[in-house]
Protein backbone atom coordinates (compact mmCIF):
# COMPACT_ATOMS: atom_id res chain seq x y z
CA UNK A 1 0.00 0.00 0.00
CA UNK A 2 1.16 3.56 -0.79
CA UNK A 3 -0.04 6.48 1.31
CA UNK A 4 1.10 10.09 0.97
CA UNK A 5 0.85 12.69 3.73
CA UNK A 6 2.13 16.23 3.01
CA UNK A 7 4.53 18.10 5.30
CA UNK A 8 5.65 21.46 3.89
CA UNK A 9 8.34 20.54 1.35
CA UNK A 10 8.32 16.81 1.80
CA UNK A 11 5.95 13.86 1.73
CA UNK A 12 5.70 10.95 4.13
CA UNK A 13 5.09 7.71 2.27
CA UNK A 14 4.41 4.26 3.65
CA UNK A 15 5.50 1.22 1.65
CA UNK A 16 4.46 -1.96 3.40
CA UNK A 17 6.61 -1.94 6.55
CA UNK A 18 8.67 1.18 5.71
CA UNK A 19 8.18 4.92 6.15
CA UNK A 20 9.74 7.01 3.40
CA UNK A 21 10.31 10.77 3.24
CA UNK A 22 10.27 12.31 -0.24
CA UNK A 23 11.10 15.84 -1.37
CA UNK A 24 8.14 17.49 -3.10
CA UNK A 25 10.44 19.75 -5.13
CA UNK A 26 12.71 17.08 -6.58
CA UNK A 27 10.88 13.85 -5.67
CA UNK A 28 14.09 12.47 -4.28
CA UNK A 29 13.86 10.03 -1.41
CA UNK A 30 15.37 11.62 1.67
CA UNK A 31 15.06 8.86 4.21
CA UNK A 32 13.59 5.40 4.65
CA UNK A 33 12.79 4.02 8.09
CA UNK A 34 11.61 0.47 8.77
CA UNK A 35 8.48 0.09 10.89
CA UNK A 36 9.46 -2.19 13.74
CA UNK A 37 6.85 -4.93 13.90
CA UNK A 38 6.34 -7.05 17.03
CA UNK A 39 8.11 -10.41 17.01
CA UNK A 40 6.33 -13.02 14.92
CA UNK A 41 4.13 -10.51 13.08
CA UNK A 42 4.17 -10.45 9.28
CA UNK A 43 4.26 -7.12 7.37
CA UNK A 44 0.68 -7.38 6.11
CA UNK A 45 -2.31 -5.03 6.15
CA UNK A 46 -2.52 -1.28 5.74
CA UNK A 47 -0.20 1.21 7.41
CA UNK A 48 -1.65 4.70 7.92
CA UNK A 49 -0.01 7.96 8.93
CA UNK A 50 -1.44 11.22 10.29
CA UNK A 51 0.31 14.37 11.42
CA UNK A 52 -0.14 15.89 14.84
CA UNK A 53 -1.45 19.47 14.71
CA UNK A 54 2.09 20.69 15.46
CA UNK A 55 3.18 19.22 12.10
CA UNK A 56 6.17 17.65 13.86
CA UNK A 57 4.89 14.45 15.42
CA UNK A 58 3.50 11.67 13.27
CA UNK A 59 0.98 8.99 14.21
CA UNK A 60 1.61 5.66 12.50
CA UNK A 61 -1.00 2.92 12.79
CA UNK A 62 -0.87 -0.69 11.68
CA UNK A 63 -2.87 -3.73 12.76
CA UNK A 64 0.05 -4.62 15.05
CA UNK A 65 0.66 -1.24 16.70
CA UNK A 66 0.22 2.50 17.01
CA UNK A 67 3.40 4.54 17.20
CA UNK A 68 4.56 8.15 17.38
CA UNK A 69 7.47 9.47 15.31
CA UNK A 70 9.38 12.71 15.15
CA UNK A 71 8.77 13.56 11.50
CA UNK A 72 11.80 15.83 11.17
CA UNK A 73 14.19 13.05 12.19
CA UNK A 74 11.93 10.03 11.57
CA UNK A 75 12.85 8.74 15.03
CA UNK A 76 10.29 6.68 16.88
CA UNK A 77 9.15 8.34 20.12
CA UNK A 78 6.95 5.61 21.56
CA UNK A 79 4.90 2.58 20.55
CA UNK A 80 1.88 0.68 21.84
CA UNK A 81 1.02 -2.88 20.80
CA UNK A 82 -2.27 -4.75 21.35
CA UNK A 83 -2.21 -6.33 24.81
CA UNK A 84 -4.17 -7.03 27.99
CA UNK A 85 -7.78 -5.78 27.64
CA UNK A 86 -7.17 -4.77 23.99
CA UNK A 87 -5.49 -7.79 22.37
CA UNK A 88 -7.21 -7.76 18.95
CA UNK A 89 -5.64 -6.36 15.76
CA UNK A 90 -6.01 -2.61 15.22
CA UNK A 91 -8.41 -1.60 12.44
CA UNK A 92 -7.91 2.20 12.50
CA UNK A 93 -6.46 5.06 14.56
CA UNK A 94 -6.89 8.83 14.36
CA UNK A 95 -6.00 11.96 16.31
CA UNK A 96 -8.73 14.01 17.98
CA UNK A 97 -9.20 17.48 16.48
CA UNK A 98 -6.84 19.02 19.05
CA UNK A 99 -4.32 16.17 18.73
CA UNK A 100 -4.53 15.44 22.47
CA UNK A 101 -6.13 12.01 22.09
CA UNK A 102 -5.78 9.05 19.75
CA UNK A 103 -8.97 7.12 19.00
CA UNK A 104 -8.13 3.53 18.08
CA UNK A 105 -10.57 0.85 16.92
CA UNK A 106 -10.00 -2.90 17.10
CA UNK A 107 -11.22 -5.87 15.09
CA UNK A 108 -13.09 -7.30 18.11
CA UNK A 109 -15.27 -4.17 18.35
CA UNK A 110 -13.44 -2.45 21.20
CA UNK A 111 -12.33 1.18 20.94
CA UNK A 112 -9.38 2.54 22.91
CA UNK A 113 -8.86 6.19 23.82
CA UNK A 114 -5.15 6.93 24.24
CA UNK A 115 -3.20 9.93 25.43
CA UNK A 116 -1.55 11.38 22.32
CA UNK A 117 1.73 12.28 24.00
CA UNK A 118 2.52 8.96 25.68
CA UNK A 119 0.09 6.45 24.11
CA UNK A 120 -1.14 5.54 27.58
CA UNK A 121 -4.59 3.97 27.51
CA UNK A 122 -7.10 6.35 29.11
CA UNK A 123 -10.19 4.17 28.72
CA UNK A 124 -11.73 1.32 26.75
CA UNK A 125 -15.14 1.47 25.08
CA UNK A 126 -16.58 -2.03 24.69
CA UNK A 127 -18.81 -2.99 21.74
CA UNK A 128 -21.77 -3.43 24.11
CA UNK A 129 -21.80 0.36 24.49
CA UNK A 130 -22.74 1.03 20.87
CA UNK A 131 -24.01 -2.34 19.55
CA UNK A 132 -27.25 -4.11 20.43
CA UNK A 133 -27.12 -7.64 21.90
CA UNK A 134 -28.67 -8.97 18.69
CA UNK A 135 -25.81 -7.55 16.62
CA UNK A 136 -23.13 -8.72 19.07
CA UNK A 137 -24.56 -12.25 19.14
CA UNK A 138 -25.24 -12.36 15.40
CA UNK A 139 -23.44 -14.54 12.91
CA UNK A 140 -21.63 -11.59 11.31
CA UNK A 141 -18.79 -9.94 13.19
CA UNK A 142 -19.39 -6.19 13.38
CA UNK A 143 -16.57 -3.83 14.30
CA UNK A 144 -15.26 -0.36 13.37
CA UNK A 145 -13.18 -0.09 10.21
CA UNK A 146 -12.69 3.68 10.27
CA UNK A 147 -12.58 6.42 12.91
CA UNK A 148 -13.27 10.10 12.22
CA UNK A 149 -12.71 12.79 14.85
CA UNK A 150 -15.17 15.66 15.21
CA UNK A 151 -13.54 18.79 13.69
CA UNK A 152 -14.33 20.99 16.73
CA UNK A 153 -15.24 18.73 19.68
CA UNK A 154 -12.09 16.88 20.81
CA UNK A 155 -14.00 14.32 22.89
CA UNK A 156 -16.42 13.32 20.14
CA UNK A 157 -15.72 10.94 17.28
CA UNK A 158 -17.52 8.72 14.79
CA UNK A 159 -16.88 5.10 13.86
CA UNK A 160 -17.84 3.44 10.60
CA UNK A 161 -18.82 -0.20 11.07
CA UNK A 162 -18.46 -3.25 8.85
CA UNK A 163 -22.25 -3.46 8.51
CA UNK A 164 -22.42 0.04 7.01
CA UNK A 165 -23.70 1.88 10.08
CA UNK A 166 -22.03 4.95 11.59
CA UNK A 167 -22.02 5.68 15.32
CA UNK A 168 -21.16 9.02 16.90
CA UNK A 169 -19.69 8.57 20.39
CA UNK A 170 -18.91 10.99 23.19
CA UNK A 171 -18.43 10.75 26.99
CA UNK A 172 -21.41 10.91 29.30
CA UNK A 173 -22.36 14.40 30.46
CA UNK A 174 -21.27 13.60 34.02
CA UNK A 175 -17.73 12.77 32.89
CA UNK A 176 -17.27 15.28 30.11
CA UNK A 177 -14.05 13.75 28.83
CA UNK A 178 -12.40 10.39 28.27
CA UNK A 179 -10.63 9.07 31.35
CA UNK A 180 -8.18 10.92 33.54
CA UNK A 181 -4.95 12.58 32.51
CA UNK A 182 -2.13 10.03 32.84
CA UNK A 183 0.69 10.60 35.34
CA UNK A 184 4.09 11.56 33.89
CA UNK A 185 6.45 8.78 32.90
CA UNK A 186 10.22 8.65 33.13
CA UNK A 187 11.70 10.23 30.00
CA UNK A 188 8.32 9.80 28.25
CA UNK A 189 9.45 6.69 26.42
CA UNK A 190 7.40 3.53 26.04
CA UNK A 191 9.13 1.61 23.30
CA UNK A 192 7.34 -1.67 23.96
CA UNK A 193 4.06 -0.26 25.23
CA UNK A 194 4.21 -2.30 28.44
CA UNK A 195 4.46 0.65 30.81
CA UNK A 196 1.05 1.78 29.64
CA UNK A 197 -0.65 -1.46 30.62
CA UNK A 198 -1.13 -0.25 34.18
CA UNK A 199 -3.40 2.58 33.07
CA UNK A 200 -6.91 2.45 34.45
CA UNK A 201 -9.35 1.05 31.92
CA UNK A 202 -13.09 1.11 32.07
CA UNK A 203 -16.17 0.48 30.00
CA UNK A 204 -17.52 3.98 29.65
CA UNK A 205 -21.12 4.35 28.59
CA UNK A 206 -21.05 7.44 26.35
CA UNK A 207 -24.04 8.93 24.64
CA UNK A 208 -24.10 7.78 21.05
CA UNK A 209 -26.15 8.58 17.96
CA UNK A 210 -26.78 6.11 15.16
CA UNK A 211 -26.87 7.57 11.68
């Protein structure tokens, strides 16, 4: 798969398990960085990239991981891999409109809300929150395949499901936002994602609208 994302005078391009930086002026390849896959995982499926609002950090998502990169140096800042309460492959990930959160959907129907600076899990939204028991117990597996953040409300997002439905999800009025701000971590690095596994997770029951 090829995916271009603009950044001033260069483009970020993903080619299977590599990130490539190309000059827009000359179309010369400036740098190629391999995406480090977890042990035993094959380089299959789509890799997507999205810039942070600061146009410096880069969110990279693959079925095996979400990761943050410094786009100017193409150095990996931190990485989270499916684990614990969210073990299924990742289907999509996107920044909130203010780039403070990362909304990540999984192939088992769960949705994770992560802190965008550290990739610590703030909360988990189970499929029972937005799917009826009949759909959950049906013969066809239904899960989100795309996530779209609201352009102005950072705590609201929409998910597009495999059955064609779209759900708009936000926290309950009593909570107002997703989870609590995570405590600081030593040097901010989480290269294997394990330090984030101690984050509090919960099945929030946000208000949702089916469209």
